[in-house]
């Protein structure tokens, strides 16, 4: 690394700043049954954040659980509802 003038970066320690609510955020209507027999009957969504050269962005995706195809997605600089 020295020969190529590379320097390692140490990750900062993660520190919990607030207590989380132990109750689930929403009821589990699927009861963890993700195998669906009908197209467009059950959709599921997820959200994650990604580092880009412009900074952090949030990616939200909606999937059809029957076909496992992406129904829709959105990228935003904030994690709030709506674009």
PDB file of N, CA and C in Angstrom:
ATOM      1  N   UNK A   1       0.828  -1.182   0.000  1.00  0.00           N
ATOM      2  CA  UNK A   1       0.000   0.000   0.000  1.00  0.00           C
ATOM      3  C   UNK A   1       0.876   1.251   0.000  1.00  0.00           C
ATOM      4  N   UNK A   2       1.949   1.215   0.783  1.00  0.00           N
ATOM      5  CA  UNK A   2       2.835   2.372   0.825  1.00  0.00           C
ATOM      6  C   UNK A   2       3.441   2.642  -0.549  1.00  0.00           C
ATOM      7  N   UNK A   3       3.803   1.559  -1.234  1.00  0.00           N
ATOM      8  CA  UNK A   3       4.415   1.681  -2.554  1.00  0.00           C
ATOM      9  C   UNK A   3       3.465   2.377  -3.539  1.00  0.00           C
ATOM     10  N   UNK A   4       2.179   2.133  -3.414  1.00  0.00           N
ATOM     11  CA  UNK A   4       1.194   2.736  -4.319  1.00  0.00           C
ATOM     12  C   UNK A   4       0.510   3.954  -3.700  1.00  0.00           C
ATOM     13  N   UNK A   5       1.023   4.401  -2.557  1.00  0.00           N
ATOM     14  CA  UNK A   5       0.520   5.576  -1.848  1.00  0.00           C
ATOM     15  C   UNK A   5      -0.969   5.442  -1.502  1.00  0.00           C
ATOM     16  N   UNK A   6      -1.361   4.255  -1.002  1.00  0.00           N
ATOM     17  CA  UNK A   6      -2.723   4.004  -0.560  1.00  0.00           C
ATOM     18  C   UNK A   6      -2.774   4.067   0.963  1.00  0.00           C
ATOM     19  N   UNK A   7      -3.865   4.584   1.500  1.00  0.00           N
ATOM     20  CA  UNK A   7      -4.035   4.713   2.938  1.00  0.00           C
ATOM     21  C   UNK A   7      -5.369   4.088   3.320  1.00  0.00           C
ATOM     22  N   UNK A   8      -5.363   3.228   4.312  1.00  0.00           N
ATOM     23  CA  UNK A   8      -6.601   2.615   4.783  1.00  0.00           C
ATOM     24  C   UNK A   8      -7.440   3.591   5.603  1.00  0.00           C
ATOM     25  N   UNK A   9      -8.737   3.371   5.599  1.00  0.00           N
ATOM     26  CA  UNK A   9      -9.656   4.207   6.369  1.00  0.00           C
ATOM     27  C   UNK A   9     -10.325   3.332   7.417  1.00  0.00           C
ATOM     28  N   UNK A  10     -10.262   3.759   8.679  1.00  0.00           N
ATOM     29  CA  UNK A  10     -10.894   3.004   9.748  1.00  0.00           C
ATOM     30  C   UNK A  10     -12.332   3.466   9.915  1.00  0.00           C
ATOM     31  N   UNK A  11     -13.228   2.504  10.039  1.00  0.00           N
ATOM     32  CA  UNK A  11     -14.638   2.832  10.252  1.00  0.00           C
ATOM     33  C   UNK A  11     -14.826   3.411  11.647  1.00  0.00           C
ATOM     34  N   UNK A  12     -15.718   4.378  11.753  1.00  0.00           N
ATOM     35  CA  UNK A  12     -16.008   4.955  13.053  1.00  0.00           C
ATOM     36  C   UNK A  12     -16.913   4.010  13.829  1.00  0.00           C
ATOM     37  N   UNK A  13     -16.811   4.039  15.151  1.00  0.00           N
ATOM     38  CA  UNK A  13     -17.640   3.178  15.988  1.00  0.00           C
ATOM     39  C   UNK A  13     -19.093   3.607  15.903  1.00  0.00           C
ATOM     40  N   UNK A  14     -19.982   2.640  15.865  1.00  0.00           N
ATOM     41  CA  UNK A  14     -21.419   2.896  15.840  1.00  0.00           C
ATOM     42  C   UNK A  14     -21.896   3.106  17.258  1.00  0.00           C
ATOM     43  N   UNK A  15     -22.663   4.160  17.458  1.00  0.00           N
ATOM     44  CA  UNK A  15     -23.132   4.474  18.799  1.00  0.00           C
ATOM     45  C   UNK A  15     -24.646   4.685  18.767  1.00  0.00           C
ATOM     46  N   UNK A  16     -25.374   3.917  19.544  1.00  0.00           N
ATOM     47  CA  UNK A  16     -26.826   4.035  19.596  1.00  0.00           C
ATOM     48  C   UNK A  16     -27.186   5.293  20.371  1.00  0.00           C
ATOM     49  N   UNK A  17     -28.005   6.136  19.750  1.00  0.00           N
ATOM     50  CA  UNK A  17     -28.361   7.397  20.384  1.00  0.00           C
ATOM     51  C   UNK A  17     -29.776   7.397  20.956  1.00  0.00           C
ATOM     52  N   UNK A  18     -30.624   6.478  20.512  1.00  0.00           N
ATOM     53  CA  UNK A  18     -32.005   6.451  20.991  1.00  0.00           C
ATOM     54  C   UNK A  18     -32.437   4.998  21.178  1.00  0.00           C
ATOM     55  N   UNK A  19     -33.375   4.799  22.073  1.00  0.00           N
ATOM     56  CA  UNK A  19     -33.910   3.453  22.266  1.00  0.00           C
ATOM     57  C   UNK A  19     -34.989   3.180  21.236  1.00  0.00           C
ATOM     58  N   UNK A  20     -35.003   1.956  20.733  1.00  0.00           N
ATOM     59  CA  UNK A  20     -36.006   1.574  19.750  1.00  0.00           C
ATOM     60  C   UNK A  20     -37.252   1.047  20.452  1.00  0.00           C
ATOM     61  N   UNK A  21     -38.396   1.261  19.821  1.00  0.00           N
ATOM     62  CA  UNK A  21     -39.662   0.758  20.328  1.00  0.00           C
ATOM     63  C   UNK A  21     -39.702  -0.753  20.078  1.00  0.00           C
ATOM     64  N   UNK A  22     -39.910  -1.587  21.106  1.00  0.00           N
ATOM     65  CA  UNK A  22     -39.877  -3.036  20.920  1.00  0.00           C
ATOM     66  C   UNK A  22     -41.091  -3.587  20.166  1.00  0.00           C
ATOM     67  N   UNK A  23     -42.167  -2.813  20.050  1.00  0.00           N
ATOM     68  CA  UNK A  23     -43.338  -3.308  19.332  1.00  0.00           C
ATOM     69  C   UNK A  23     -43.091  -3.241  17.826  1.00  0.00           C
ATOM     70  N   UNK A  24     -43.657  -4.171  17.060  1.00  0.00           N
ATOM     71  CA  UNK A  24     -43.437  -4.148  15.608  1.00  0.00           C
ATOM     72  C   UNK A  24     -44.060  -2.894  14.996  1.00  0.00           C
ATOM     73  N   UNK A  25     -43.443  -2.343  13.939  1.00  0.00           N
ATOM     74  CA  UNK A  25     -43.938  -1.105  13.356  1.00  0.00           C
ATOM     75  C   UNK A  25     -45.263  -1.275  12.613  1.00  0.00           C
ATOM     76  N   UNK A  26     -45.564  -2.497  12.166  1.00  0.00           N
ATOM     77  CA  UNK A  26     -46.816  -2.763  11.445  1.00  0.00           C
ATOM     78  C   UNK A  26     -47.182  -4.228  11.642  1.00  0.00           C
ATOM     79  N   UNK A  27     -48.471  -4.553  11.547  1.00  0.00           N
ATOM     80  CA  UNK A  27     -48.864  -5.958  11.711  1.00  0.00           C
ATOM     81  C   UNK A  27     -48.348  -6.824  10.561  1.00  0.00           C
ATOM     82  N   UNK A  28     -48.026  -8.080  10.844  1.00  0.00           N
ATOM     83  CA  UNK A  28     -47.531  -9.017   9.837  1.00  0.00           C
ATOM     84  C   UNK A  28     -48.728  -9.685   9.154  1.00  0.00           C
ATOM     85  N   UNK A  29     -49.284  -9.016   8.160  1.00  0.00           N
ATOM     86  CA  UNK A  29     -50.484  -9.513   7.482  1.00  0.00           C
ATOM     87  C   UNK A  29     -50.209 -10.769   6.657  1.00  0.00           C
ATOM     88  N   UNK A  30     -48.972 -10.961   6.218  1.00  0.00           N
ATOM     89  CA  UNK A  30     -48.627 -12.147   5.416  1.00  0.00           C
ATOM     90  C   UNK A  30     -48.290 -13.356   6.277  1.00  0.00           C
ATOM     91  N   UNK A  31     -48.046 -13.131   7.538  1.00  0.00           N
ATOM     92  CA  UNK A  31     -47.608 -14.186   8.466  1.00  0.00           C
ATOM     93  C   UNK A  31     -46.394 -14.946   7.911  1.00  0.00           C
ATOM     94  N   UNK A  32     -45.472 -14.175   7.320  1.00  0.00           N
ATOM     95  CA  UNK A  32     -44.207 -14.693   6.769  1.00  0.00           C
ATOM     96  C   UNK A  32     -44.429 -15.717   5.650  1.00  0.00           C
ATOM     97  N   UNK A  33     -45.587 -15.723   4.994  1.00  0.00           N
ATOM     98  CA  UNK A  33     -45.869 -16.608   3.860  1.00  0.00           C
ATOM     99  C   UNK A  33     -45.627 -15.818   2.572  1.00  0.00           C
ATOM    100  N   UNK A  34     -44.423 -15.964   2.003  1.00  0.00           N
ATOM    101  CA  UNK A  34     -44.040 -15.166   0.845  1.00  0.00           C
ATOM    102  C   UNK A  34     -44.245 -15.901  -0.479  1.00  0.00           C
ATOM    103  N   UNK A  35     -44.710 -17.151  -0.448  1.00  0.00           N
ATOM    104  CA  UNK A  35     -45.020 -17.886  -1.669  1.00  0.00           C
ATOM    105  C   UNK A  35     -46.457 -17.577  -2.061  1.00  0.00           C
ATOM    106  N   UNK A  36     -46.630 -16.882  -3.176  1.00  0.00           N
ATOM    107  CA  UNK A  36     -47.937 -16.417  -3.609  1.00  0.00           C
ATOM    108  C   UNK A  36     -48.296 -17.121  -4.911  1.00  0.00           C
ATOM    109  N   UNK A  37     -49.589 -17.513  -5.072  1.00  0.00           N
ATOM    110  CA  UNK A  37     -50.036 -18.251  -6.250  1.00  0.00           C
ATOM    111  C   UNK A  37     -50.712 -17.391  -7.307  1.00  0.00           C
ATOM    112  N   UNK A  38     -50.953 -16.104  -7.014  1.00  0.00           N
ATOM    113  CA  UNK A  38     -51.691 -15.235  -7.930  1.00  0.00           C
ATOM    114  C   UNK A  38     -50.870 -13.978  -8.213  1.00  0.00           C
ATOM    115  N   UNK A  39     -50.772 -13.626  -9.495  1.00  0.00           N
ATOM    116  CA  UNK A  39     -50.040 -12.421  -9.896  1.00  0.00           C
ATOM    117  C   UNK A  39     -50.767 -11.175  -9.395  1.00  0.00           C
ATOM    118  N   UNK A  40     -50.012 -10.192  -8.964  1.00  0.00           N
ATOM    119  CA  UNK A  40     -50.514  -8.892  -8.486  1.00  0.00           C
ATOM    120  C   UNK A  40     -51.438  -8.992  -7.280  1.00  0.00           C
ATOM    121  N   UNK A  41     -51.365 -10.076  -6.529  1.00  0.00           N
ATOM    122  CA  UNK A  41     -52.191 -10.215  -5.327  1.00  0.00           C
ATOM    123  C   UNK A  41     -51.481  -9.652  -4.097  1.00  0.00           C
ATOM    124  N   UNK A  42     -50.154  -9.823  -4.058  1.00  0.00           N
ATOM    125  CA  UNK A  42     -49.388  -9.372  -2.890  1.00  0.00           C
ATOM    126  C   UNK A  42     -48.139  -8.645  -3.375  1.00  0.00           C
ATOM    127  N   UNK A  43     -48.005  -7.421  -2.929  1.00  0.00           N
ATOM    128  CA  UNK A  43     -46.808  -6.639  -3.204  1.00  0.00           C
ATOM    129  C   UNK A  43     -46.073  -6.414  -1.896  1.00  0.00           C
ATOM    130  N   UNK A  44     -44.764  -6.326  -1.981  1.00  0.00           N
ATOM    131  CA  UNK A  44     -43.934  -6.062  -0.805  1.00  0.00           C
ATOM    132  C   UNK A  44     -42.937  -4.963  -1.146  1.00  0.00           C
ATOM    133  N   UNK A  45     -42.555  -4.207  -0.148  1.00  0.00           N
ATOM    134  CA  UNK A  45     -41.616  -3.117  -0.371  1.00  0.00           C
ATOM    135  C   UNK A  45     -40.470  -3.150   0.610  1.00  0.00           C
ATOM    136  N   UNK A  46     -39.404  -2.490   0.229  1.00  0.00           N
ATOM    137  CA  UNK A  46     -38.242  -2.375   1.106  1.00  0.00           C
ATOM    138  C   UNK A  46     -37.542  -1.064   0.784  1.00  0.00           C
ATOM    139  N   UNK A  47     -36.762  -0.600   1.750  1.00  0.00           N
ATOM    140  CA  UNK A  47     -36.022   0.641   1.582  1.00  0.00           C
ATOM    141  C   UNK A  47     -34.620   0.444   2.124  1.00  0.00           C
ATOM    142  N   UNK A  48     -33.638   0.997   1.440  1.00  0.00           N
ATOM    143  CA  UNK A  48     -32.252   0.934   1.898  1.00  0.00           C
ATOM    144  C   UNK A  48     -31.573   2.245   1.537  1.00  0.00           C
ATOM    145  N   UNK A  49     -30.358   2.435   2.028  1.00  0.00           N
ATOM    146  CA  UNK A  49     -29.605   3.625   1.685  1.00  0.00           C
ATOM    147  C   UNK A  49     -28.287   3.217   1.037  1.00  0.00           C
ATOM    148  N   UNK A  50     -27.816   4.050   0.121  1.00  0.00           N
ATOM    149  CA  UNK A  50     -26.618   3.761  -0.663  1.00  0.00           C
ATOM    150  C   UNK A  50     -25.702   4.974  -0.670  1.00  0.00           C
ATOM    151  N   UNK A  51     -24.398   4.716  -0.626  1.00  0.00           N
ATOM    152  CA  UNK A  51     -23.426   5.808  -0.723  1.00  0.00           C
ATOM    153  C   UNK A  51     -23.098   6.025  -2.192  1.00  0.00           C
ATOM    154  N   UNK A  52     -23.151   7.268  -2.633  1.00  0.00           N
ATOM    155  CA  UNK A  52     -22.788   7.644  -4.000  1.00  0.00           C
ATOM    156  C   UNK A  52     -21.758   8.766  -3.918  1.00  0.00           C
ATOM    157  N   UNK A  53     -21.106   9.078  -5.016  1.00  0.00           N
ATOM    158  CA  UNK A  53     -20.160  10.206  -4.989  1.00  0.00           C
ATOM    159  C   UNK A  53     -20.824  11.531  -4.596  1.00  0.00           C
ATOM    160  N   UNK A  54     -22.144  11.642  -4.783  1.00  0.00           N
ATOM    161  CA  UNK A  54     -22.861  12.858  -4.403  1.00  0.00           C
ATOM    162  C   UNK A  54     -23.345  12.812  -2.950  1.00  0.00           C
ATOM    163  N   UNK A  55     -23.162  11.692  -2.254  1.00  0.00           N
ATOM    164  CA  UNK A  55     -23.603  11.551  -0.869  1.00  0.00           C
ATOM    165  C   UNK A  55     -24.582  10.398  -0.728  1.00  0.00           C
ATOM    166  N   UNK A  56     -25.223  10.297   0.455  1.00  0.00           N
ATOM    167  CA  UNK A  56     -26.162   9.209   0.724  1.00  0.00           C
ATOM    168  C   UNK A  56     -27.465   9.443  -0.016  1.00  0.00           C
ATOM    169  N   UNK A  57     -28.026   8.360  -0.585  1.00  0.00           N
ATOM    170  CA  UNK A  57     -29.355   8.398  -1.185  1.00  0.00           C
ATOM    171  C   UNK A  57     -30.143   7.208  -0.660  1.00  0.00           C
ATOM    172  N   UNK A  58     -31.455   7.322  -0.682  1.00  0.00           N
ATOM    173  CA  UNK A  58     -32.347   6.266  -0.217  1.00  0.00           C
ATOM    174  C   UNK A  58     -33.050   5.650  -1.418  1.00  0.00           C
ATOM    175  N   UNK A  59     -33.107   4.313  -1.444  1.00  0.00           N
ATOM    176  CA  UNK A  59     -33.741   3.574  -2.527  1.00  0.00           C
ATOM    177  C   UNK A  59     -34.924   2.797  -1.958  1.00  0.00           C
ATOM    178  N   UNK A  60     -36.104   3.032  -2.522  1.00  0.00           N
ATOM    179  CA  UNK A  60     -37.308   2.301  -2.136  1.00  0.00           C
ATOM    180  C   UNK A  60     -37.759   1.466  -3.329  1.00  0.00           C
ATOM    181  N   UNK A  61     -38.118   0.188  -3.079  1.00  0.00           N
ATOM    182  CA  UNK A  61     -38.504  -0.730  -4.147  1.00  0.00           C
ATOM    183  C   UNK A  61     -39.789  -1.451  -3.749  1.00  0.00           C
ATOM    184  N   UNK A  62     -40.683  -1.672  -4.724  1.00  0.00           N
ATOM    185  CA  UNK A  62     -41.898  -2.454  -4.525  1.00  0.00           C
ATOM    186  C   UNK A  62     -41.840  -3.652  -5.471  1.00  0.00           C
ATOM    187  N   UNK A  63     -42.039  -4.883  -4.924  1.00  0.00           N
ATOM    188  CA  UNK A  63     -41.976  -6.125  -5.702  1.00  0.00           C
ATOM    189  C   UNK A  63     -43.318  -6.831  -5.705  1.00  0.00           C
ATOM    190  N   UNK A  64     -43.630  -7.503  -6.820  1.00  0.00           N
ATOM    191  CA  UNK A  64     -44.747  -8.437  -6.867  1.00  0.00           C
ATOM    192  C   UNK A  64     -44.208  -9.764  -6.353  1.00  0.00           C
ATOM    193  N   UNK A  65     -44.754 -10.290  -5.267  1.00  0.00           N
ATOM    194  CA  UNK A  65     -44.198 -11.506  -4.665  1.00  0.00           C
ATOM    195  C   UNK A  65     -44.429 -12.753  -5.511  1.00  0.00           C
ATOM    196  N   UNK A  66     -45.394 -12.748  -6.422  1.00  0.00           N
ATOM    197  CA  UNK A  66     -45.621 -13.899  -7.295  1.00  0.00           C
ATOM    198  C   UNK A  66     -44.496 -14.018  -8.319  1.00  0.00           C
ATOM    199  N   UNK A  67     -44.237 -12.956  -9.065  1.00  0.00           N
ATOM    200  CA  UNK A  67     -43.240 -12.995 -10.134  1.00  0.00           C
ATOM    201  C   UNK A  67     -41.861 -12.530  -9.677  1.00  0.00           C
ATOM    202  N   UNK A  68     -41.771 -11.912  -8.498  1.00  0.00           N
ATOM    203  CA  UNK A  68     -40.526 -11.341  -7.971  1.00  0.00           C
ATOM    204  C   UNK A  68     -39.994 -10.225  -8.877  1.00  0.00           C
ATOM    205  N   UNK A  69     -40.889  -9.587  -9.604  1.00  0.00           N
ATOM    206  CA  UNK A  69     -40.497  -8.488 -10.483  1.00  0.00           C
ATOM    207  C   UNK A  69     -40.700  -7.164  -9.771  1.00  0.00           C
ATOM    208  N   UNK A  70     -39.875  -6.188 -10.152  1.00  0.00           N
ATOM    209  CA  UNK A  70     -39.976  -4.853  -9.575  1.00  0.00           C
ATOM    210  C   UNK A  70     -41.180  -4.145 -10.192  1.00  0.00           C
ATOM    211  N   UNK A  71     -42.095  -3.717  -9.345  1.00  0.00           N
ATOM    212  CA  UNK A  71     -43.275  -2.976  -9.777  1.00  0.00           C
ATOM    213  C   UNK A  71     -42.938  -1.492  -9.889  1.00  0.00           C
ATOM    214  N   UNK A  72     -42.158  -1.002  -8.948  1.00  0.00           N
ATOM    215  CA  UNK A  72     -41.761   0.398  -8.970  1.00  0.00           C
ATOM    216  C   UNK A  72     -40.620   0.664  -8.016  1.00  0.00           C
ATOM    217  N   UNK A  73     -39.936   1.768  -8.218  1.00  0.00           N
ATOM    218  CA  UNK A  73     -38.834   2.146  -7.349  1.00  0.00           C
ATOM    219  C   UNK A  73     -38.677   3.657  -7.374  1.00  0.00           C
ATOM    220  N   UNK A  74     -37.987   4.181  -6.359  1.00  0.00           N
ATOM    221  CA  UNK A  74     -37.722   5.609  -6.288  1.00  0.00           C
ATOM    222  C   UNK A  74     -36.433   5.826  -5.510  1.00  0.00           C
ATOM    223  N   UNK A  75     -35.690   6.842  -5.915  1.00  0.00           N
ATOM    224  CA  UNK A  75     -34.447   7.242  -5.239  1.00  0.00           C
ATOM    225  C   UNK A  75     -34.641   8.667  -4.759  1.00  0.00           C
ATOM    226  N   UNK A  76     -34.219   8.921  -3.506  1.00  0.00           N
ATOM    227  CA  UNK A  76     -34.398  10.244  -2.934  1.00  0.00           C
ATOM    228  C   UNK A  76     -33.234  10.569  -2.009  1.00  0.00           C
ATOM    229  N   UNK A  77     -32.996  11.857  -1.812  1.00  0.00           N
ATOM    230  CA  UNK A  77     -31.948  12.291  -0.883  1.00  0.00           C
ATOM    231  C   UNK A  77     -32.421  12.223   0.563  1.00  0.00           C
ATOM    232  N   UNK A  78     -33.732  12.154   0.793  1.00  0.00           N
ATOM    233  CA  UNK A  78     -34.268  12.068   2.137  1.00  0.00           C
ATOM    234  C   UNK A  78     -35.096  10.801   2.290  1.00  0.00           C
ATOM    235  N   UNK A  79     -35.263  10.347   3.526  1.00  0.00           N
ATOM    236  CA  UNK A  79     -35.998   9.105   3.799  1.00  0.00           C
ATOM    237  C   UNK A  79     -37.451   9.376   4.158  1.00  0.00           C
ATOM    238  N   UNK A  80     -37.985  10.488   3.703  1.00  0.00           N
ATOM    239  CA  UNK A  80     -39.371  10.820   4.015  1.00  0.00           C
ATOM    240  C   UNK A  80     -40.304  10.305   2.930  1.00  0.00           C
ATOM    241  N   UNK A  81     -41.576  10.268   3.244  1.00  0.00           N
ATOM    242  CA  UNK A  81     -42.573   9.798   2.299  1.00  0.00           C
ATOM    243  C   UNK A  81     -42.749  10.815   1.177  1.00  0.00           C
ATOM    244  N   UNK A  82     -42.888  10.305  -0.067  1.00  0.00           N
ATOM    245  CA  UNK A  82     -43.103  11.182  -1.221  1.00  0.00           C
ATOM    246  C   UNK A  82     -41.810  11.741  -1.760  1.00  0.00           C
ATOM    247  N   UNK A  83     -41.820  12.102  -3.007  1.00  0.00           N
ATOM    248  CA  UNK A  83     -40.610  12.630  -3.658  1.00  0.00           C
ATOM    249  C   UNK A  83     -40.612  14.130  -3.691  1.00  0.00           C
TER     250      UNK A  83
END
